[in-house]
Amino acid sequence: GIYTMGWYRQAPGKQRELVATIGSGGNTNYAESMKERFTISRDNFKNT
């Protein structure tokens, strides 16, 4: 629960890119092209 977590993705033939991050306090950050469609969340009780 005290760590920022992130999702990245890598398409064939492309570099790995940031999708989204979420801080320990729940603050989120998204890649511009995904912010309207993707949602990052966390459940610290489930470490997920």
ModelCIF file with pLDDT and N, C-alpha, C, O atoms, coordinates in Angstrom:
data_MODEL
#
_entry.id   MODEL 
#
_entity.id                         1 
_entity.type                       polymer 
_entity.pdbx_number_of_molecules   1 
#
_entity_poly.entity_id                      1 
_entity_poly.type                           'polypeptide(L)' 
_entity_poly.nstd_linkage                   no 
_entity_poly.nstd_monomer                   no 
_entity_poly.pdbx_seq_one_letter_code       GIYTMGWYRQAPGKQRELVATIGSGGNTNYAESMKERFTISRDNFKNT 
_entity_poly.pdbx_seq_one_letter_code_can   GIYTMGWYRQAPGKQRELVATIGSGGNTNYAESMKERFTISRDNFKNT 
_entity_poly.pdbx_strand_id                 A 
#
loop_
_entity_poly_seq.entity_id 
_entity_poly_seq.num 
_entity_poly_seq.mon_id 
_entity_poly_seq.hetero 
1 1  GLY n 
1 2  ILE n 
1 3  TYR n 
1 4  THR n 
1 5  MET n 
1 6  GLY n 
1 7  TRP n 
1 8  TYR n 
1 9  ARG n 
1 10 GLN n 
1 11 ALA n 
1 12 PRO n 
1 13 GLY n 
1 14 LYS n 
1 15 GLN n 
1 16 ARG n 
1 17 GLU n 
1 18 LEU n 
1 19 VAL n 
1 20 ALA n 
1 21 THR n 
1 22 ILE n 
1 23 GLY n 
1 24 SER n 
1 25 GLY n 
1 26 GLY n 
1 27 ASN n 
1 28 THR n 
1 29 ASN n 
1 30 TYR n 
1 31 ALA n 
1 32 GLU n 
1 33 SER n 
1 34 MET n 
1 35 LYS n 
1 36 GLU n 
1 37 ARG n 
1 38 PHE n 
1 39 THR n 
1 40 ILE n 
1 41 SER n 
1 42 ARG n 
1 43 ASP n 
1 44 ASN n 
1 45 PHE n 
1 46 LYS n 
1 47 ASN n 
1 48 THR n 
#
_struct_asym.id          A 
_struct_asym.entity_id   1 
#
loop_
_ma_qa_metric.id 
_ma_qa_metric.mode 
_ma_qa_metric.name 
_ma_qa_metric.software_group_id 
_ma_qa_metric.type 
1 global pLDDT . pLDDT 
2 local  pLDDT . pLDDT 
#
_ma_qa_metric_global.metric_id      1 
_ma_qa_metric_global.metric_value   94.52 
_ma_qa_metric_global.model_id       1 
_ma_qa_metric_global.ordinal_id     1 
#
loop_
_ma_qa_metric_local.label_asym_id 
_ma_qa_metric_local.label_comp_id 
_ma_qa_metric_local.label_seq_id 
_ma_qa_metric_local.metric_id 
_ma_qa_metric_local.metric_value 
_ma_qa_metric_local.model_id 
_ma_qa_metric_local.ordinal_id 
A GLY 1  2 81.00 1 1  
A ILE 2  2 82.00 1 2  
A TYR 3  2 89.00 1 3  
A THR 4  2 93.00 1 4  
A MET 5  2 95.00 1 5  
A GLY 6  2 96.00 1 6  
A TRP 7  2 98.00 1 7  
A TYR 8  2 98.00 1 8  
A ARG 9  2 98.00 1 9  
A GLN 10 2 98.00 1 10 
A ALA 11 2 97.00 1 11 
A PRO 12 2 92.00 1 12 
A GLY 13 2 94.00 1 13 
A LYS 14 2 96.00 1 14 
A GLN 15 2 97.00 1 15 
A ARG 16 2 97.00 1 16 
A GLU 17 2 97.00 1 17 
A LEU 18 2 97.00 1 18 
A VAL 19 2 98.00 1 19 
A ALA 20 2 98.00 1 20 
A THR 21 2 97.00 1 21 
A ILE 22 2 97.00 1 22 
A GLY 23 2 94.00 1 23 
A SER 24 2 91.00 1 24 
A GLY 25 2 90.00 1 25 
A GLY 26 2 91.00 1 26 
A ASN 27 2 96.00 1 27 
A THR 28 2 97.00 1 28 
A ASN 29 2 97.00 1 29 
A TYR 30 2 97.00 1 30 
A ALA 31 2 96.00 1 31 
A GLU 32 2 94.00 1 32 
A SER 33 2 90.00 1 33 
A MET 34 2 92.00 1 34 
A LYS 35 2 92.00 1 35 
A GLU 36 2 95.00 1 36 
A ARG 37 2 97.00 1 37 
A PHE 38 2 98.00 1 38 
A THR 39 2 98.00 1 39 
A ILE 40 2 98.00 1 40 
A SER 41 2 97.00 1 41 
A ARG 42 2 95.00 1 42 
A ASP 43 2 94.00 1 43 
A ASN 44 2 91.00 1 44 
A PHE 45 2 91.00 1 45 
A LYS 46 2 93.00 1 46 
A ASN 47 2 93.00 1 47 
A THR 48 2 95.00 1 48 
#
loop_
_atom_site.group_PDB 
_atom_site.id 
_atom_site.type_symbol 
_atom_site.label_atom_id 
_atom_site.label_alt_id 
_atom_site.label_comp_id 
_atom_site.label_asym_id 
_atom_site.label_entity_id 
_atom_site.label_seq_id 
_atom_site.pdbx_PDB_ins_code 
_atom_site.Cartn_x 
_atom_site.Cartn_y 
_atom_site.Cartn_z 
_atom_site.occupancy 
_atom_site.B_iso_or_equiv 
_atom_site.pdbx_formal_charge 
_atom_site.auth_seq_id 
_atom_site.auth_comp_id 
_atom_site.auth_asym_id 
_atom_site.auth_atom_id 
_atom_site.pdbx_PDB_model_num 
ATOM 1   N N  . GLY A 1 1  ? 0.769   -1.232 0.000   1.00 81.00 ? 1  GLY A N  1 
ATOM 2   C CA . GLY A 1 1  ? 0.000   0.000  0.000   1.00 81.00 ? 1  GLY A CA 1 
ATOM 3   C C  . GLY A 1 1  ? 0.797   1.278  0.000   1.00 81.00 ? 1  GLY A C  1 
ATOM 4   O O  . GLY A 1 1  ? 0.256   2.330  -0.338  1.00 81.00 ? 1  GLY A O  1 
ATOM 5   N N  . ILE A 1 2  ? 2.064   1.230  0.366   1.00 82.00 ? 2  ILE A N  1 
ATOM 6   C CA . ILE A 1 2  ? 2.842   2.464  0.453   1.00 82.00 ? 2  ILE A CA 1 
ATOM 7   C C  . ILE A 1 2  ? 3.553   2.796  -0.854  1.00 82.00 ? 2  ILE A C  1 
ATOM 8   O O  . ILE A 1 2  ? 4.213   3.829  -0.956  1.00 82.00 ? 2  ILE A O  1 
ATOM 9   N N  . TYR A 1 3  ? 3.423   1.935  -1.847  1.00 89.00 ? 3  TYR A N  1 
ATOM 10  C CA . TYR A 1 3  ? 4.161   2.127  -3.091  1.00 89.00 ? 3  TYR A CA 1 
ATOM 11  C C  . TYR A 1 3  ? 3.268   2.537  -4.249  1.00 89.00 ? 3  TYR A C  1 
ATOM 12  O O  . TYR A 1 3  ? 2.136   2.075  -4.395  1.00 89.00 ? 3  TYR A O  1 
ATOM 13  N N  . THR A 1 4  ? 3.818   3.413  -5.057  1.00 93.00 ? 4  THR A N  1 
ATOM 14  C CA . THR A 1 4  ? 3.204   3.703  -6.346  1.00 93.00 ? 4  THR A CA 1 
ATOM 15  C C  . THR A 1 4  ? 3.263   2.452  -7.212  1.00 93.00 ? 4  THR A C  1 
ATOM 16  O O  . THR A 1 4  ? 4.241   1.705  -7.181  1.00 93.00 ? 4  THR A O  1 
ATOM 17  N N  . MET A 1 5  ? 2.215   2.235  -7.978  1.00 95.00 ? 5  MET A N  1 
ATOM 18  C CA . MET A 1 5  ? 2.164   1.119  -8.918  1.00 95.00 ? 5  MET A CA 1 
ATOM 19  C C  . MET A 1 5  ? 1.855   1.655  -10.305 1.00 95.00 ? 5  MET A C  1 
ATOM 20  O O  . MET A 1 5  ? 1.246   2.713  -10.468 1.00 95.00 ? 5  MET A O  1 
ATOM 21  N N  . GLY A 1 6  ? 2.292   0.898  -11.293 1.00 96.00 ? 6  GLY A N  1 
ATOM 22  C CA . GLY A 1 6  ? 2.048   1.357  -12.650 1.00 96.00 ? 6  GLY A CA 1 
ATOM 23  C C  . GLY A 1 6  ? 1.689   0.232  -13.591 1.00 96.00 ? 6  GLY A C  1 
ATOM 24  O O  . GLY A 1 6  ? 2.009   -0.933 -13.355 1.00 96.00 ? 6  GLY A O  1 
ATOM 25  N N  . TRP A 1 7  ? 1.020   0.605  -14.657 1.00 98.00 ? 7  TRP A N  1 
ATOM 26  C CA . TRP A 1 7  ? 0.762   -0.293 -15.788 1.00 98.00 ? 7  TRP A CA 1 
ATOM 27  C C  . TRP A 1 7  ? 1.473   0.274  -17.011 1.00 98.00 ? 7  TRP A C  1 
ATOM 28  O O  . TRP A 1 7  ? 1.399   1.471  -17.290 1.00 98.00 ? 7  TRP A O  1 
ATOM 29  N N  . TYR A 1 8  ? 2.156   -0.597 -17.727 1.00 98.00 ? 8  TYR A N  1 
ATOM 30  C CA . TYR A 1 8  ? 2.807   -0.262 -18.976 1.00 98.00 ? 8  TYR A CA 1 
ATOM 31  C C  . TYR A 1 8  ? 2.323   -1.254 -20.024 1.00 98.00 ? 8  TYR A C  1 
ATOM 32  O O  . TYR A 1 8  ? 1.730   -2.284 -19.702 1.00 98.00 ? 8  TYR A O  1 
ATOM 33  N N  . ARG A 1 9  ? 2.586   -0.923 -21.277 1.00 98.00 ? 9  ARG A N  1 
ATOM 34  C CA . ARG A 1 9  ? 2.257   -1.866 -22.340 1.00 98.00 ? 9  ARG A CA 1 
ATOM 35  C C  . ARG A 1 9  ? 3.312   -1.812 -23.432 1.00 98.00 ? 9  ARG A C  1 
ATOM 36  O O  . ARG A 1 9  ? 4.002   -0.810 -23.619 1.00 98.00 ? 9  ARG A O  1 
ATOM 37  N N  . GLN A 1 10 ? 3.412   -2.927 -24.147 1.00 98.00 ? 10 GLN A N  1 
ATOM 38  C CA . GLN A 1 10 ? 4.360   -3.000 -25.253 1.00 98.00 ? 10 GLN A CA 1 
ATOM 39  C C  . GLN A 1 10 ? 3.697   -3.706 -26.418 1.00 98.00 ? 10 GLN A C  1 
ATOM 40  O O  . GLN A 1 10 ? 3.357   -4.886 -26.343 1.00 98.00 ? 10 GLN A O  1 
ATOM 41  N N  . ALA A 1 11 ? 3.523   -2.967 -27.484 1.00 97.00 ? 11 ALA A N  1 
ATOM 42  C CA . ALA A 1 11 ? 2.949   -3.527 -28.709 1.00 97.00 ? 11 ALA A CA 1 
ATOM 43  C C  . ALA A 1 11 ? 4.069   -4.102 -29.562 1.00 97.00 ? 11 ALA A C  1 
ATOM 44  O O  . ALA A 1 11 ? 5.225   -3.708 -29.401 1.00 97.00 ? 11 ALA A O  1 
ATOM 45  N N  . PRO A 1 12 ? 3.754   -5.024 -30.466 1.00 92.00 ? 12 PRO A N  1 
ATOM 46  C CA . PRO A 1 12 ? 4.784   -5.625 -31.318 1.00 92.00 ? 12 PRO A CA 1 
ATOM 47  C C  . PRO A 1 12 ? 5.553   -4.565 -32.082 1.00 92.00 ? 12 PRO A C  1 
ATOM 48  O O  . PRO A 1 12 ? 4.966   -3.701 -32.733 1.00 92.00 ? 12 PRO A O  1 
ATOM 49  N N  . GLY A 1 13 ? 6.879   -4.641 -31.993 1.00 94.00 ? 13 GLY A N  1 
ATOM 50  C CA . GLY A 1 13 ? 7.731   -3.727 -32.732 1.00 94.00 ? 13 GLY A CA 1 
ATOM 51  C C  . GLY A 1 13 ? 7.829   -2.337 -32.146 1.00 94.00 ? 13 GLY A C  1 
ATOM 52  O O  . GLY A 1 13 ? 8.433   -1.452 -32.754 1.00 94.00 ? 13 GLY A O  1 
ATOM 53  N N  . LYS A 1 14 ? 7.246   -2.124 -30.971 1.00 96.00 ? 14 LYS A N  1 
ATOM 54  C CA . LYS A 1 14 ? 7.264   -0.802 -30.356 1.00 96.00 ? 14 LYS A CA 1 
ATOM 55  C C  . LYS A 1 14 ? 7.905   -0.856 -28.980 1.00 96.00 ? 14 LYS A C  1 
ATOM 56  O O  . LYS A 1 14 ? 8.057   -1.921 -28.381 1.00 96.00 ? 14 LYS A O  1 
ATOM 57  N N  . GLN A 1 15 ? 8.277   0.322  -28.497 1.00 97.00 ? 15 GLN A N  1 
ATOM 58  C CA . GLN A 1 15 ? 8.853   0.398  -27.157 1.00 97.00 ? 15 GLN A CA 1 
ATOM 59  C C  . GLN A 1 15 ? 7.757   0.287  -26.096 1.00 97.00 ? 15 GLN A C  1 
ATOM 60  O O  . GLN A 1 15 ? 6.590   0.589  -26.347 1.00 97.00 ? 15 GLN A O  1 
ATOM 61  N N  . ARG A 1 16 ? 8.160   -0.146 -24.926 1.00 97.00 ? 16 ARG A N  1 
ATOM 62  C CA . ARG A 1 16 ? 7.232   -0.199 -23.800 1.00 97.00 ? 16 ARG A CA 1 
ATOM 63  C C  . ARG A 1 16 ? 6.838   1.235  -23.427 1.00 97.00 ? 16 ARG A C  1 
ATOM 64  O O  . ARG A 1 16 ? 7.683   2.128  -23.365 1.00 97.00 ? 16 ARG A O  1 
ATOM 65  N N  . GLU A 1 17 ? 5.545   1.435  -23.182 1.00 97.00 ? 17 GLU A N  1 
ATOM 66  C CA . GLU A 1 17 ? 5.073   2.774  -22.868 1.00 97.00 ? 17 GLU A CA 1 
ATOM 67  C C  . GLU A 1 17 ? 4.212   2.772  -21.615 1.00 97.00 ? 17 GLU A C  1 
ATOM 68  O O  . GLU A 1 17 ? 3.579   1.773  -21.272 1.00 97.00 ? 17 GLU A O  1 
ATOM 69  N N  . LEU A 1 18 ? 4.205   3.912  -20.944 1.00 97.00 ? 18 LEU A N  1 
ATOM 70  C CA . LEU A 1 18 ? 3.395   4.071  -19.747 1.00 97.00 ? 18 LEU A CA 1 
ATOM 71  C C  . LEU A 1 18 ? 1.919   4.109  -20.105 1.00 97.00 ? 18 LEU A C  1 
ATOM 72  O O  . LEU A 1 18 ? 1.517   4.756  -21.072 1.00 97.00 ? 18 LEU A O  1 
ATOM 73  N N  . VAL A 1 19 ? 1.120   3.408  -19.313 1.00 98.00 ? 19 VAL A N  1 
ATOM 74  C CA . VAL A 1 19 ? -0.336  3.484  -19.450 1.00 98.00 ? 19 VAL A CA 1 
ATOM 75  C C  . VAL A 1 19 ? -0.893  4.364  -18.342 1.00 98.00 ? 19 VAL A C  1 
ATOM 76  O O  . VAL A 1 19 ? -1.596  5.341  -18.599 1.00 98.00 ? 19 VAL A O  1 
ATOM 77  N N  . ALA A 1 20 ? -0.565  3.999  -17.094 1.00 98.00 ? 20 ALA A N  1 
ATOM 78  C CA . ALA A 1 20 ? -1.101  4.741  -15.959 1.00 98.00 ? 20 ALA A CA 1 
ATOM 79  C C  . ALA A 1 20 ? -0.322  4.394  -14.698 1.00 98.00 ? 20 ALA A C  1 
ATOM 80  O O  . ALA A 1 20 ? 0.281   3.326  -14.597 1.00 98.00 ? 20 ALA A O  1 
ATOM 81  N N  . THR A 1 21 ? -0.346  5.313  -13.741 1.00 97.00 ? 21 THR A N  1 
ATOM 82  C CA . THR A 1 21 ? 0.219   5.043  -12.424 1.00 97.00 ? 21 THR A CA 1 
ATOM 83  C C  . THR A 1 21 ? -0.781  5.452  -11.353 1.00 97.00 ? 21 THR A C  1 
ATOM 84  O O  . THR A 1 21 ? -1.671  6.272  -11.581 1.00 97.00 ? 21 THR A O  1 
ATOM 85  N N  . ILE A 1 22 ? -0.609  4.858  -10.179 1.00 97.00 ? 22 ILE A N  1 
ATOM 86  C CA . ILE A 1 22 ? -1.440  5.228  -9.038  1.00 97.00 ? 22 ILE A CA 1 
ATOM 87  C C  . ILE A 1 22 ? -0.566  5.271  -7.801  1.00 97.00 ? 22 ILE A C  1 
ATOM 88  O O  . ILE A 1 22 ? 0.158   4.320  -7.506  1.00 97.00 ? 22 ILE A O  1 
ATOM 89  N N  . GLY A 1 23 ? -0.637  6.382  -7.079  1.00 94.00 ? 23 GLY A N  1 
ATOM 90  C CA . GLY A 1 23 ? 0.167   6.549  -5.888  1.00 94.00 ? 23 GLY A CA 1 
ATOM 91  C C  . GLY A 1 23 ? -0.441  5.873  -4.673  1.00 94.00 ? 23 GLY A C  1 
ATOM 92  O O  . GLY A 1 23 ? -1.544  5.329  -4.724  1.00 94.00 ? 23 GLY A O  1 
ATOM 93  N N  . SER A 1 24 ? 0.300   5.922  -3.588  1.00 91.00 ? 24 SER A N  1 
ATOM 94  C CA . SER A 1 24 ? -0.164  5.295  -2.358  1.00 91.00 ? 24 SER A CA 1 
ATOM 95  C C  . SER A 1 24 ? -1.443  5.952  -1.843  1.00 91.00 ? 24 SER A C  1 
ATOM 96  O O  . SER A 1 24 ? -2.252  5.310  -1.172  1.00 91.00 ? 24 SER A O  1 
ATOM 97  N N  . GLY A 1 25 ? -1.619  7.224  -2.157  1.00 90.00 ? 25 GLY A N  1 
ATOM 98  C CA . GLY A 1 25 ? -2.820  7.938  -1.721  1.00 90.00 ? 25 GLY A CA 1 
ATOM 99  C C  . GLY A 1 25 ? -3.952  7.889  -2.713  1.00 90.00 ? 25 GLY A C  1 
ATOM 100 O O  . GLY A 1 25 ? -5.005  8.491  -2.505  1.00 90.00 ? 25 GLY A O  1 
ATOM 101 N N  . GLY A 1 26 ? -3.729  7.162  -3.804  1.00 91.00 ? 26 GLY A N  1 
ATOM 102 C CA . GLY A 1 26 ? -4.776  7.025  -4.815  1.00 91.00 ? 26 GLY A CA 1 
ATOM 103 C C  . GLY A 1 26 ? -4.701  8.032  -5.942  1.00 91.00 ? 26 GLY A C  1 
ATOM 104 O O  . GLY A 1 26 ? -5.539  8.017  -6.843  1.00 91.00 ? 26 GLY A O  1 
ATOM 105 N N  . ASN A 1 27 ? -3.712  8.906  -5.906  1.00 96.00 ? 27 ASN A N  1 
ATOM 106 C CA . ASN A 1 27 ? -3.574  9.864  -7.015  1.00 96.00 ? 27 ASN A CA 1 
ATOM 107 C C  . ASN A 1 27 ? -3.159  9.121  -8.272  1.00 96.00 ? 27 ASN A C  1 
ATOM 108 O O  . ASN A 1 27 ? -2.336  8.207  -8.223  1.00 96.00 ? 27 ASN A O  1 
ATOM 109 N N  . THR A 1 28 ? -3.729  9.520  -9.390  1.00 97.00 ? 28 THR A N  1 
ATOM 110 C CA . THR A 1 28 ? -3.520  8.789  -10.639 1.00 97.00 ? 28 THR A CA 1 
ATOM 111 C C  . THR A 1 28 ? -2.917  9.672  -11.721 1.00 97.00 ? 28 THR A C  1 
ATOM 112 O O  . THR A 1 28 ? -3.025  10.898 -11.701 1.00 97.00 ? 28 THR A O  1 
ATOM 113 N N  . ASN A 1 29 ? -2.270  8.986  -12.673 1.00 97.00 ? 29 ASN A N  1 
ATOM 114 C CA . ASN A 1 29 ? -1.676  9.671  -13.810 1.00 97.00 ? 29 ASN A CA 1 
ATOM 115 C C  . ASN A 1 29 ? -1.857  8.757  -15.010 1.00 97.00 ? 29 ASN A C  1 
ATOM 116 O O  . ASN A 1 29 ? -1.661  7.546  -14.903 1.00 97.00 ? 29 ASN A O  1 
ATOM 117 N N  . TYR A 1 30 ? -2.231  9.327  -16.158 1.00 97.00 ? 30 TYR A N  1 
ATOM 118 C CA . TYR A 1 30 ? -2.503  8.526  -17.348 1.00 97.00 ? 30 TYR A CA 1 
ATOM 119 C C  . TYR A 1 30 ? -1.776  9.060  -18.555 1.00 97.00 ? 30 TYR A C  1 
ATOM 120 O O  . TYR A 1 30 ? -1.515  10.258 -18.663 1.00 97.00 ? 30 TYR A O  1 
ATOM 121 N N  . ALA A 1 31 ? -1.451  8.156  -19.466 1.00 96.00 ? 31 ALA A N  1 
ATOM 122 C CA . ALA A 1 31 ? -1.025  8.590  -20.785 1.00 96.00 ? 31 ALA A CA 1 
ATOM 123 C C  . ALA A 1 31 ? -2.201  9.279  -21.445 1.00 96.00 ? 31 ALA A C  1 
ATOM 124 O O  . ALA A 1 31 ? -3.350  8.859  -21.308 1.00 96.00 ? 31 ALA A O  1 
ATOM 125 N N  . GLU A 1 32 ? -1.891  10.341 -22.161 1.00 94.00 ? 32 GLU A N  1 
ATOM 126 C CA . GLU A 1 32 ? -2.949  11.195 -22.711 1.00 94.00 ? 32 GLU A CA 1 
ATOM 127 C C  . GLU A 1 32 ? -3.932  10.428 -23.582 1.00 94.00 ? 32 GLU A C  1 
ATOM 128 O O  . GLU A 1 32 ? -5.134  10.692 -23.549 1.00 94.00 ? 32 GLU A O  1 
ATOM 129 N N  . SER A 1 33 ? -3.429  9.490  -24.350 1.00 90.00 ? 33 SER A N  1 
ATOM 130 C CA . SER A 1 33 ? -4.297  8.792  -25.304 1.00 90.00 ? 33 SER A CA 1 
ATOM 131 C C  . SER A 1 33 ? -5.216  7.773  -24.632 1.00 90.00 ? 33 SER A C  1 
ATOM 132 O O  . SER A 1 33 ? -6.098  7.207  -25.278 1.00 90.00 ? 33 SER A O  1 
ATOM 133 N N  . MET A 1 34 ? -5.009  7.541  -23.339 1.00 92.00 ? 34 MET A N  1 
ATOM 134 C CA . MET A 1 34 ? -5.779  6.509  -22.661 1.00 92.00 ? 34 MET A CA 1 
ATOM 135 C C  . MET A 1 34 ? -6.622  7.038  -21.506 1.00 92.00 ? 34 MET A C  1 
ATOM 136 O O  . MET A 1 34 ? -7.432  6.305  -20.938 1.00 92.00 ? 34 MET A O  1 
ATOM 137 N N  . LYS A 1 35 ? -6.433  8.303  -21.162 1.00 92.00 ? 35 LYS A N  1 
ATOM 138 C CA . LYS A 1 35 ? -7.047  8.796  -19.926 1.00 92.00 ? 35 LYS A CA 1 
ATOM 139 C C  . LYS A 1 35 ? -8.565  8.811  -19.949 1.00 92.00 ? 35 LYS A C  1 
ATOM 140 O O  . LYS A 1 35 ? -9.197  8.769  -18.893 1.00 92.00 ? 35 LYS A O  1 
ATOM 141 N N  . GLU A 1 36 ? -9.160  8.869  -21.131 1.00 95.00 ? 36 GLU A N  1 
ATOM 142 C CA . GLU A 1 36 ? -10.622 8.902  -21.204 1.00 95.00 ? 36 GLU A CA 1 
ATOM 143 C C  . GLU A 1 36 ? -11.232 7.510  -21.203 1.00 95.00 ? 36 GLU A C  1 
ATOM 144 O O  . GLU A 1 36 ? -12.437 7.363  -21.003 1.00 95.00 ? 36 GLU A O  1 
ATOM 145 N N  . ARG A 1 37 ? -10.417 6.493  -21.423 1.00 97.00 ? 37 ARG A N  1 
ATOM 146 C CA . ARG A 1 37 ? -10.951 5.138  -21.587 1.00 97.00 ? 37 ARG A CA 1 
ATOM 147 C C  . ARG A 1 37 ? -10.488 4.159  -20.513 1.00 97.00 ? 37 ARG A C  1 
ATOM 148 O O  . ARG A 1 37 ? -11.157 3.158  -20.255 1.00 97.00 ? 37 ARG A O  1 
ATOM 149 N N  . PHE A 1 38 ? -9.355  4.440  -19.891 1.00 98.00 ? 38 PHE A N  1 
ATOM 150 C CA . PHE A 1 38 ? -8.775  3.513  -18.921 1.00 98.00 ? 38 PHE A CA 1 
ATOM 151 C C  . PHE A 1 38 ? -8.867  4.097  -17.513 1.00 98.00 ? 38 PHE A C  1 
ATOM 152 O O  . PHE A 1 38 ? -8.808  5.311  -17.321 1.00 98.00 ? 38 PHE A O  1 
ATOM 153 N N  . THR A 1 39 ? -9.011  3.205  -16.539 1.00 98.00 ? 39 THR A N  1 
ATOM 154 C CA . THR A 1 39 ? -9.043  3.623  -15.138 1.00 98.00 ? 39 THR A CA 1 
ATOM 155 C C  . THR A 1 39 ? -8.171  2.689  -14.312 1.00 98.00 ? 39 THR A C  1 
ATOM 156 O O  . THR A 1 39 ? -8.362  1.473  -14.316 1.00 98.00 ? 39 THR A O  1 
ATOM 157 N N  . ILE A 1 40 ? -7.211  3.275  -13.605 1.00 98.00 ? 40 ILE A N  1 
ATOM 158 C CA . ILE A 1 40 ? -6.368  2.499  -12.707 1.00 98.00 ? 40 ILE A CA 1 
ATOM 159 C C  . ILE A 1 40 ? -6.909  2.652  -11.289 1.00 98.00 ? 40 ILE A C  1 
ATOM 160 O O  . ILE A 1 40 ? -7.350  3.729  -10.888 1.00 98.00 ? 40 ILE A O  1 
ATOM 161 N N  . SER A 1 41 ? -6.866  1.559  -10.545 1.00 97.00 ? 41 SER A N  1 
ATOM 162 C CA . SER A 1 41 ? -7.325  1.587  -9.156  1.00 97.00 ? 41 SER A CA 1 
ATOM 163 C C  . SER A 1 41 ? -6.525  0.561  -8.369  1.00 97.00 ? 41 SER A C  1 
ATOM 164 O O  . SER A 1 41 ? -5.770  -0.229 -8.935  1.00 97.00 ? 41 SER A O  1 
ATOM 165 N N  . ARG A 1 42 ? -6.704  0.588  -7.058  1.00 95.00 ? 42 ARG A N  1 
ATOM 166 C CA . ARG A 1 42 ? -5.963  -0.354 -6.227  1.00 95.00 ? 42 ARG A CA 1 
ATOM 167 C C  . ARG A 1 42 ? -6.800  -0.760 -5.031  1.00 95.00 ? 42 ARG A C  1 
ATOM 168 O O  . ARG A 1 42 ? -7.666  -0.021 -4.562  1.00 95.00 ? 42 ARG A O  1 
ATOM 169 N N  . ASP A 1 43 ? -6.509  -1.980 -4.547  1.00 94.00 ? 43 ASP A N  1 
ATOM 170 C CA . ASP A 1 43 ? -7.100  -2.490 -3.318  1.00 94.00 ? 43 ASP A CA 1 
ATOM 171 C C  . ASP A 1 43 ? -5.934  -2.923 -2.437  1.00 94.00 ? 43 ASP A C  1 
ATOM 172 O O  . ASP A 1 43 ? -5.364  -3.996 -2.632  1.00 94.00 ? 43 ASP A O  1 
ATOM 173 N N  . ASN A 1 44 ? -5.586  -2.089 -1.476  1.00 91.00 ? 44 ASN A N  1 
ATOM 174 C CA . ASN A 1 44 ? -4.406  -2.371 -0.664  1.00 91.00 ? 44 ASN A CA 1 
ATOM 175 C C  . ASN A 1 44 ? -4.605  -3.569 0.256   1.00 91.00 ? 44 ASN A C  1 
ATOM 176 O O  . ASN A 1 44 ? -3.628  -4.184 0.683   1.00 91.00 ? 44 ASN A O  1 
ATOM 177 N N  . PHE A 1 45 ? -5.842  -3.907 0.566   1.00 91.00 ? 45 PHE A N  1 
ATOM 178 C CA . PHE A 1 45 ? -6.085  -5.087 1.399   1.00 91.00 ? 45 PHE A CA 1 
ATOM 179 C C  . PHE A 1 45 ? -5.811  -6.368 0.626   1.00 91.00 ? 45 PHE A C  1 
ATOM 180 O O  . PHE A 1 45 ? -5.488  -7.401 1.212   1.00 91.00 ? 45 PHE A O  1 
ATOM 181 N N  . LYS A 1 46 ? -5.942  -6.294 -0.685  1.00 93.00 ? 46 LYS A N  1 
ATOM 182 C CA . LYS A 1 46 ? -5.689  -7.458 -1.530  1.00 93.00 ? 46 LYS A CA 1 
ATOM 183 C C  . LYS A 1 46 ? -4.346  -7.369 -2.237  1.00 93.00 ? 46 LYS A C  1 
ATOM 184 O O  . LYS A 1 46 ? -4.019  -8.232 -3.052  1.00 93.00 ? 46 LYS A O  1 
ATOM 185 N N  . ASN A 1 47 ? -3.559  -6.331 -1.934  1.00 93.00 ? 47 ASN A N  1 
ATOM 186 C CA . ASN A 1 47 ? -2.256  -6.145 -2.592  1.00 93.00 ? 47 ASN A CA 1 
ATOM 187 C C  . ASN A 1 47 ? -2.398  -6.176 -4.105  1.00 93.00 ? 47 ASN A C  1 
ATOM 188 O O  . ASN A 1 47 ? -1.561  -6.755 -4.797  1.00 93.00 ? 47 ASN A O  1 
ATOM 189 N N  . THR A 1 48 ? -3.432  -5.567 -4.613  1.00 95.00 ? 48 THR A N  1 
ATOM 190 C CA . THR A 1 48 ? -3.754  -5.690 -6.033  1.00 95.00 ? 48 THR A CA 1 
ATOM 191 C C  . THR A 1 48 ? -4.014  -4.321 -6.660  1.00 95.00 ? 48 THR A C  1 
ATOM 192 O O  . THR A 1 48 ? -4.300  -4.233 -7.854  1.00 95.00 ? 48 THR A O  1 
#
